Amino acid sequence: MKKIFSLALLVAFLATSAKADDIISTLEKQCDTGDFTACDNLGCEYSRGEYVEPDYKKAKKLFEMACEANNAE
């Protein structure tokens, strides 16, 4: 359910640049609380650099967090 919510939230808010800050903030909060699908989505945003300044080190860290969580499940 978290995966569907995170993905739906990402698609809904990234439609406009003005709302991009909101979705990035929301994904960061979700990732910080253990939603590792949000970490993965946030990593995608930082690796693409479309709505945020590209930060490959941050993207790598987020992808690693998501992978480690998936391996633990």
Protein backbone atom coordinates (compact mmCIF):
# COMPACT_ATOMS: atom_id res chain seq x y z
CA MET A 1 0.00 0.00 0.00
CA LYS A 2 2.87 2.37 0.81
CA LYS A 3 4.37 1.70 -2.61
CA ILE A 4 1.16 2.60 -4.40
CA PHE A 5 0.68 5.72 -2.28
CA SER A 6 4.26 6.91 -2.83
CA LEU A 7 4.09 6.34 -6.57
CA ALA A 8 0.68 8.00 -6.88
CA LEU A 9 1.90 10.93 -4.83
CA LEU A 10 4.98 11.25 -6.99
CA VAL A 11 3.02 11.27 -10.24
CA ALA A 12 0.35 13.63 -8.95
CA PHE A 13 2.69 16.28 -7.64
CA LEU A 14 5.50 16.21 -10.16
CA ALA A 15 3.12 17.41 -12.86
CA THR A 16 4.04 21.00 -12.05
CA SER A 17 7.32 22.51 -10.97
CA ALA A 18 5.65 24.53 -8.21
CA LYS A 19 4.52 21.36 -6.49
CA ALA A 20 7.85 19.58 -7.00
CA ASP A 21 9.21 21.04 -3.76
CA ASP A 22 6.19 19.65 -1.92
CA ILE A 23 6.65 16.15 -3.28
CA ILE A 24 10.39 16.13 -2.58
CA SER A 25 9.69 17.25 0.98
CA THR A 26 7.00 14.59 1.37
CA LEU A 27 9.27 11.86 -0.01
CA GLU A 28 12.05 12.93 2.36
CA LYS A 29 9.69 12.71 5.34
CA GLN A 30 8.39 9.31 4.24
CA CYS A 31 11.92 8.00 3.70
CA ASP A 32 12.98 9.27 7.12
CA THR A 33 10.12 7.34 8.72
CA GLY A 34 11.01 4.05 7.05
CA ASP A 35 9.09 4.10 3.76
CA PHE A 36 11.87 2.71 1.61
CA THR A 37 9.83 2.93 -1.59
CA ALA A 38 9.89 6.68 -0.97
CA CYS A 39 13.68 6.43 -0.54
CA ASP A 40 13.91 4.71 -3.92
CA ASN A 41 11.69 7.33 -5.57
CA LEU A 42 13.69 10.12 -3.99
CA GLY A 43 16.91 8.49 -5.20
CA CYS A 44 15.49 8.53 -8.73
CA GLU A 45 14.78 12.24 -8.44
CA TYR A 46 18.30 13.02 -7.23
CA SER A 47 19.88 10.86 -9.94
CA ARG A 48 17.83 12.47 -12.74
CA GLY A 49 18.07 16.00 -11.44
CA GLU A 50 14.83 16.99 -13.10
CA TYR A 51 13.10 18.56 -10.08
CA VAL A 52 16.08 18.84 -7.73
CA GLU A 53 19.74 19.61 -8.21
CA PRO A 54 21.46 16.36 -9.22
CA ASP A 55 23.25 14.76 -6.30
CA TYR A 56 24.60 11.35 -7.20
CA LYS A 57 26.07 10.65 -3.78
CA LYS A 58 22.70 11.30 -2.15
CA ALA A 59 20.96 9.20 -4.80
CA LYS A 60 23.37 6.32 -4.14
CA LYS A 61 22.77 6.51 -0.39
CA LEU A 62 18.99 6.49 -0.91
CA PHE A 63 19.15 3.53 -3.32
CA GLU A 64 21.32 1.61 -0.85
CA MET A 65 18.83 2.28 1.96
CA ALA A 66 15.99 1.00 -0.21
CA CYS A 67 17.93 -2.12 -1.24
CA GLU A 68 18.98 -2.95 2.31
CA ALA A 69 15.38 -2.64 3.48
CA ASN A 70 14.14 -4.90 0.68
CA ASN A 71 16.77 -7.51 1.53
CA ALA A 72 15.71 -7.45 5.19
CA GLU A 73 12.08 -8.20 4.32
